[in-house]
Amino acid sequence: MVRAKTPSFILELPLVVAPGDERILLARFEAARRIYNALLGEALRRQRIMREAKRLVFLSRYREARTRLSE
């Protein structure tokens, strides 16, 4: 699905903080990034497992139906 091209503008302004606050923010952003990536990885793993399970169920039902028809 292609999104319509609309004009968009981004304005980036530097955040002015004290050095101590900057260290805290960087540490929290890094922690959030790691948690996000871990959760994303787990979600993708579960999705893959679910798709494989659905495929196996489909194949087993297909084989059962095929053996019944050939009898």
C-alpha atoms as a PDB file:
ATOM      1  CA  MET A   1       0.000   0.000   0.000  1.00  0.00           C
ATOM      2  CA  VAL A   2       1.577   3.247  -1.166  1.00  0.00           C
ATOM      3  CA  ARG A   3       0.996   6.357   0.847  1.00  0.00           C
ATOM      4  CA  ALA A   4       0.069   9.580  -0.883  1.00  0.00           C
ATOM      5  CA  LYS A   5       2.900  12.050  -1.119  1.00  0.00           C
ATOM      6  CA  THR A   6       2.072  15.134   0.903  1.00  0.00           C
ATOM      7  CA  PRO A   7       4.407  17.965   1.666  1.00  0.00           C
ATOM      8  CA  SER A   8       5.881  17.629   5.110  1.00  0.00           C
ATOM      9  CA  PHE A   9       8.313  19.687   7.094  1.00  0.00           C
ATOM     10  CA  ILE A  10      10.534  18.693   9.975  1.00  0.00           C
ATOM     11  CA  LEU A  11      12.073  21.179  12.335  1.00  0.00           C
ATOM     12  CA  GLU A  12      14.789  19.905  14.647  1.00  0.00           C
ATOM     13  CA  LEU A  13      15.767  22.048  17.584  1.00  0.00           C
ATOM     14  CA  PRO A  14      18.596  21.184  19.942  1.00  0.00           C
ATOM     15  CA  LEU A  15      17.534  20.333  23.463  1.00  0.00           C
ATOM     16  CA  VAL A  16      19.457  22.447  25.947  1.00  0.00           C
ATOM     17  CA  VAL A  17      20.038  20.503  29.163  1.00  0.00           C
ATOM     18  CA  ALA A  18      22.663  20.299  31.863  1.00  0.00           C
ATOM     19  CA  PRO A  19      25.407  17.680  31.353  1.00  0.00           C
ATOM     20  CA  GLY A  20      24.069  15.539  34.206  1.00  0.00           C
ATOM     21  CA  ASP A  21      20.575  15.599  32.762  1.00  0.00           C
ATOM     22  CA  GLU A  22      21.977  14.718  29.335  1.00  0.00           C
ATOM     23  CA  ARG A  23      23.682  11.615  30.755  1.00  0.00           C
ATOM     24  CA  ILE A  24      20.438  10.537  32.418  1.00  0.00           C
ATOM     25  CA  LEU A  25      18.419  11.097  29.227  1.00  0.00           C
ATOM     26  CA  LEU A  26      20.921   9.167  27.094  1.00  0.00           C
ATOM     27  CA  ALA A  27      20.892   6.250  29.546  1.00  0.00           C
ATOM     28  CA  ARG A  28      17.086   6.147  29.576  1.00  0.00           C
ATOM     29  CA  PHE A  29      16.830   6.389  25.784  1.00  0.00           C
ATOM     30  CA  GLU A  30      19.326   3.528  25.459  1.00  0.00           C
ATOM     31  CA  ALA A  31      17.373   1.412  27.955  1.00  0.00           C
ATOM     32  CA  ALA A  32      14.134   2.128  26.086  1.00  0.00           C
ATOM     33  CA  ARG A  33      15.769   1.233  22.758  1.00  0.00           C
ATOM     34  CA  ARG A  34      16.986  -2.109  24.124  1.00  0.00           C
ATOM     35  CA  ILE A  35      13.595  -2.961  25.614  1.00  0.00           C
ATOM     36  CA  TYR A  36      11.855  -2.029  22.360  1.00  0.00           C
ATOM     37  CA  ASN A  37      14.207  -4.190  20.282  1.00  0.00           C
ATOM     38  CA  ALA A  38      13.858  -7.127  22.677  1.00  0.00           C
ATOM     39  CA  LEU A  39      10.059  -6.924  22.551  1.00  0.00           C
ATOM     40  CA  LEU A  40      10.071  -6.568  18.775  1.00  0.00           C
ATOM     41  CA  GLY A  41      12.327  -9.599  18.426  1.00  0.00           C
ATOM     42  CA  GLU A  42      10.070 -11.672  20.680  1.00  0.00           C
ATOM     43  CA  ALA A  43       6.945 -10.581  18.786  1.00  0.00           C
ATOM     44  CA  LEU A  44       8.517 -11.495  15.437  1.00  0.00           C
ATOM     45  CA  ARG A  45       9.634 -14.871  16.815  1.00  0.00           C
ATOM     46  CA  ARG A  46       6.111 -15.645  18.058  1.00  0.00           C
ATOM     47  CA  GLN A  47       4.633 -14.554  14.733  1.00  0.00           C
ATOM     48  CA  ARG A  48       6.972 -16.907  12.871  1.00  0.00           C
ATOM     49  CA  ILE A  49       6.083 -19.797  15.192  1.00  0.00           C
ATOM     50  CA  MET A  50       2.356 -19.105  14.747  1.00  0.00           C
ATOM     51  CA  ARG A  51       2.663 -19.054  10.950  1.00  0.00           C
ATOM     52  CA  GLU A  52       4.617 -22.309  10.967  1.00  0.00           C
ATOM     53  CA  ALA A  53       1.974 -23.905  13.214  1.00  0.00           C
ATOM     54  CA  LYS A  54      -0.834 -22.771  10.915  1.00  0.00           C
ATOM     55  CA  ARG A  55       1.051 -24.191   7.950  1.00  0.00           C
ATOM     56  CA  LEU A  56       1.527 -27.539   9.712  1.00  0.00           C
ATOM     57  CA  VAL A  57      -2.162 -27.748  10.603  1.00  0.00           C
ATOM     58  CA  PHE A  58      -3.086 -26.976   7.007  1.00  0.00           C
ATOM     59  CA  LEU A  59      -0.699 -29.605   5.651  1.00  0.00           C
ATOM     60  CA  SER A  60      -1.911 -32.290   8.052  1.00  0.00           C
ATOM     61  CA  ARG A  61      -5.555 -31.614   7.141  1.00  0.00           C
ATOM     62  CA  TYR A  62      -4.636 -31.629   3.461  1.00  0.00           C
ATOM     63  CA  ARG A  63      -2.886 -35.009   3.809  1.00  0.00           C
ATOM     64  CA  GLU A  64      -5.848 -36.463   5.730  1.00  0.00           C
ATOM     65  CA  ALA A  65      -8.301 -35.303   3.073  1.00  0.00           C
ATOM     66  CA  ARG A  66      -6.080 -36.622   0.305  1.00  0.00           C
ATOM     67  CA  THR A  67      -5.790 -40.068   1.906  1.00  0.00           C
ATOM     68  CA  ARG A  68      -9.573 -40.228   2.416  1.00  0.00           C
ATOM     69  CA  LEU A  69     -10.176 -39.396  -1.244  1.00  0.00           C
ATOM     70  CA  SER A  70      -7.723 -41.970  -2.478  1.00  0.00           C
ATOM     71  CA  GLU A  71      -9.353 -44.793  -0.451  1.00  0.00           C
END
